[in-house]
Amino acid sequence: MKTPGKLKAFTILEVTVAMIIAAVCIGIAYSAYSIMKQSYLQYDSKNKKIAEIVLLEKLLKKDFSEANRIIRTETGFAVNSDKQDVSYRINELSILRTQNSVRTDTFNVAVKDLAMLFTGSPSRVGEPVDKLEVKAVFEDQPFEVVFSKTYSSADLIAFENEKEEYGKQNYNNNR
């Protein structure tokens, strides 16, 4: 029988050094991954907020352009068109958009100031709106958007007739 000769192998010290180097490399890779993941999540969150504001602006433009009539309500305004009825409820933390009493969209926009005007004067509840001015805050930066609706002369005359009719009914009810 032959006795085995010397086997070629790594010493325990060499294996330990290799494991330490591998652990350092894995630690650096994990730290880089964590930083990238956190950065991506912040980027994604900010983009979702921006997309929400862009969608709200797009829907408001569409609703204003398609509207036959925009009426101020106690909590916001209602948009009436041939295609659909949409109501907006506005508070300081969010804007709720309800479409045909079926679908409600919530936009988390901090509204700081809101002006609803008709022919340059503030609109009261039940009166038409032809201009909406919204001052809001995003990421501690204030911004303002303005939406306008141009009514035809026939619409303006109809508004005046309705206003007169409403006034007569109130006068008769208060007698």
Protein backbone atom coordinates (compact mmCIF):
# COMPACT_ATOMS: atom_id res chain seq x y z
CA MET A 1 0.00 0.00 0.00
CA LYS A 2 1.11 3.41 -0.86
CA THR A 3 0.88 6.18 1.65
CA PRO A 4 -0.78 9.24 0.29
CA GLY A 5 1.44 12.20 -0.35
CA LYS A 6 0.80 15.75 0.48
CA LEU A 7 -2.64 17.04 -0.69
CA LYS A 8 -2.92 20.45 -2.25
CA ALA A 9 -5.45 22.52 -0.27
CA PHE A 10 -6.09 25.95 1.23
CA THR A 11 -5.11 26.64 4.78
CA ILE A 12 -7.70 27.70 7.32
CA LEU A 13 -6.21 31.21 7.31
CA GLU A 14 -6.65 31.56 3.51
CA VAL A 15 -10.27 30.37 3.69
CA THR A 16 -10.99 32.82 6.52
CA VAL A 17 -9.51 35.76 4.57
CA ALA A 18 -11.57 34.81 1.50
CA MET A 19 -14.76 34.66 3.61
CA ILE A 20 -14.04 38.09 5.15
CA ILE A 21 -13.48 39.63 1.70
CA ALA A 22 -16.73 38.04 0.43
CA ALA A 23 -18.65 39.33 3.48
CA VAL A 24 -17.34 42.88 2.90
CA CYS A 25 -18.34 42.73 -0.78
CA ILE A 26 -21.82 41.44 0.09
CA GLY A 27 -22.21 44.17 2.73
CA ILE A 28 -21.26 46.91 0.22
CA ALA A 29 -23.65 45.46 -2.39
CA TYR A 30 -26.51 45.29 0.13
CA SER A 31 -25.88 48.87 1.27
CA ALA A 32 -25.90 50.09 -2.34
CA TYR A 33 -29.12 48.16 -2.98
CA SER A 34 -30.78 49.67 0.11
CA ILE A 35 -29.81 53.20 -0.93
CA MET A 36 -31.08 52.65 -4.48
CA LYS A 37 -34.33 51.12 -3.24
CA GLN A 38 -34.98 54.03 -0.86
CA SER A 39 -34.19 56.52 -3.62
CA TYR A 40 -36.54 54.75 -6.03
CA LEU A 41 -39.38 54.65 -3.48
CA GLN A 42 -39.06 58.41 -2.88
CA TYR A 43 -38.98 59.03 -6.64
CA ASP A 44 -42.01 56.79 -7.18
CA SER A 45 -43.98 58.44 -4.37
CA LYS A 46 -43.29 61.92 -5.70
CA ASN A 47 -44.22 60.88 -9.25
CA LYS A 48 -47.52 59.40 -8.02
CA LYS A 49 -48.37 62.68 -6.30
CA ILE A 50 -47.49 64.66 -9.42
CA ALA A 51 -49.54 62.27 -11.57
CA GLU A 52 -52.49 62.77 -9.22
CA ILE A 53 -52.29 66.56 -9.62
CA VAL A 54 -51.91 66.26 -13.41
CA LEU A 55 -54.95 63.95 -13.58
CA LEU A 56 -57.02 66.35 -11.47
CA GLU A 57 -56.06 69.25 -13.71
CA LYS A 58 -56.88 67.22 -16.83
CA LEU A 59 -60.30 66.19 -15.47
CA LEU A 60 -61.13 69.74 -14.39
CA LYS A 61 -60.22 71.07 -17.86
CA LYS A 62 -62.33 68.37 -19.51
CA ASP A 63 -65.29 68.93 -17.20
CA PHE A 64 -65.16 72.71 -17.67
CA SER A 65 -64.91 72.44 -21.46
CA GLU A 66 -67.79 69.93 -21.76
CA ALA A 67 -70.03 71.62 -19.20
CA ASN A 68 -73.36 73.12 -20.12
CA ARG A 69 -73.58 74.59 -16.66
CA ILE A 70 -71.41 74.79 -13.53
CA ILE A 71 -73.26 75.51 -10.29
CA ARG A 72 -71.74 76.27 -6.90
CA THR A 73 -72.78 73.94 -4.10
CA GLU A 74 -72.25 74.15 -0.34
CA THR A 75 -69.16 71.95 -0.45
CA GLY A 76 -67.83 72.68 -3.96
CA PHE A 77 -69.49 72.76 -7.36
CA ALA A 78 -71.51 70.62 -9.75
CA VAL A 79 -70.84 70.28 -13.46
CA ASN A 80 -73.78 69.42 -15.70
CA SER A 81 -73.18 68.34 -19.31
CA ASP A 82 -74.90 66.27 -21.97
CA LYS A 83 -72.59 63.32 -21.28
CA GLN A 84 -72.47 63.24 -17.49
CA ASP A 85 -73.03 64.99 -14.20
CA VAL A 86 -69.98 65.51 -12.04
CA SER A 87 -69.77 66.98 -8.56
CA TYR A 88 -66.65 68.22 -6.81
CA ARG A 89 -66.43 68.40 -3.02
CA ILE A 90 -63.49 70.43 -1.83
CA ASN A 91 -61.95 70.58 1.62
CA GLU A 92 -58.54 71.69 2.78
CA LEU A 93 -56.98 68.22 2.55
CA SER A 94 -58.55 66.72 -0.56
CA ILE A 95 -60.83 67.09 -3.57
CA LEU A 96 -63.50 64.46 -4.20
CA ARG A 97 -64.84 64.07 -7.73
CA THR A 98 -68.08 62.07 -8.05
CA GLN A 99 -69.13 61.10 -11.55
CA ASN A 100 -72.81 60.28 -12.19
CA SER A 101 -73.24 59.42 -8.48
CA VAL A 102 -71.41 56.16 -9.15
CA ARG A 103 -67.66 56.67 -9.21
CA THR A 104 -65.72 58.81 -6.76
CA ASP A 105 -62.11 59.83 -7.24
CA THR A 106 -60.12 61.22 -4.32
CA PHE A 107 -57.29 63.66 -4.99
CA ASN A 108 -55.04 64.34 -2.01
CA VAL A 109 -54.34 67.99 -2.75
CA ALA A 110 -54.01 70.51 0.06
CA VAL A 111 -56.26 73.39 -1.04
CA LYS A 112 -55.31 76.65 0.69
CA ASP A 113 -57.66 79.06 -1.08
CA LEU A 114 -60.57 78.65 -3.46
CA ALA A 115 -62.46 81.26 -5.44
CA MET A 116 -65.56 80.56 -7.54
CA LEU A 117 -66.60 83.52 -9.65
CA PHE A 118 -69.38 84.41 -12.06
CA THR A 119 -68.88 87.47 -14.26
CA GLY A 120 -66.09 88.66 -11.98
CA SER A 121 -68.07 88.49 -8.72
CA PRO A 122 -67.96 85.73 -6.11
CA SER A 123 -70.57 83.09 -6.81
CA ARG A 124 -72.99 82.07 -4.05
CA VAL A 125 -74.48 78.64 -3.45
CA GLY A 126 -76.87 77.74 -6.27
CA GLU A 127 -75.40 80.31 -8.65
CA PRO A 128 -73.44 79.57 -11.80
CA VAL A 129 -69.64 79.57 -11.89
CA ASP A 130 -67.58 80.70 -14.87
CA LYS A 131 -64.16 80.88 -13.22
CA LEU A 132 -62.48 78.66 -10.65
CA GLU A 133 -59.24 79.74 -8.96
CA VAL A 134 -57.51 77.12 -6.82
CA LYS A 135 -54.47 77.86 -4.68
CA ALA A 136 -52.89 74.69 -3.37
CA VAL A 137 -49.63 73.35 -1.93
CA PHE A 138 -47.47 70.49 -3.21
CA GLU A 139 -44.25 69.49 -1.43
CA ASP A 140 -44.32 72.78 0.52
CA GLN A 141 -44.46 74.71 -2.78
CA PRO A 142 -47.60 76.79 -3.46
CA PHE A 143 -49.14 76.70 -6.92
CA GLU A 144 -52.25 78.19 -8.51
CA VAL A 145 -54.49 76.94 -11.29
CA VAL A 146 -57.36 78.78 -12.97
CA PHE A 147 -60.17 77.23 -14.98
CA SER A 148 -62.65 79.26 -17.01
CA LYS A 149 -65.95 78.49 -18.71
CA THR A 150 -67.34 80.73 -21.44
CA TYR A 151 -71.12 80.69 -21.55
CA SER A 152 -73.17 81.65 -24.60
CA SER A 153 -75.48 84.65 -24.46
CA ALA A 154 -78.48 82.27 -24.45
CA ASP A 155 -77.06 80.56 -21.36
CA LEU A 156 -76.54 83.90 -19.61
CA ILE A 157 -80.12 84.98 -20.38
CA ALA A 158 -81.41 81.62 -19.07
CA PHE A 159 -79.39 82.16 -15.86
CA GLU A 160 -80.96 85.59 -15.39
CA ASN A 161 -84.48 84.23 -16.01
CA GLU A 162 -83.91 81.44 -13.50
CA LYS A 163 -82.56 83.93 -11.00
CA GLU A 164 -85.66 86.13 -11.42
CA GLU A 165 -87.97 83.11 -11.11
CA TYR A 166 -86.12 81.95 -7.99
CA GLY A 167 -86.44 85.45 -6.52
CA LYS A 168 -90.21 85.52 -7.15
CA GLN A 169 -90.65 82.11 -5.49
CA ASN A 170 -88.68 83.23 -2.45
CA TYR A 171 -90.67 86.44 -2.24
CA ASN A 172 -93.98 84.53 -2.37
CA ASN A 173 -92.79 81.96 0.19
CA ASN A 174 -91.70 84.67 2.64
CA ARG A 175 -95.05 86.54 2.59
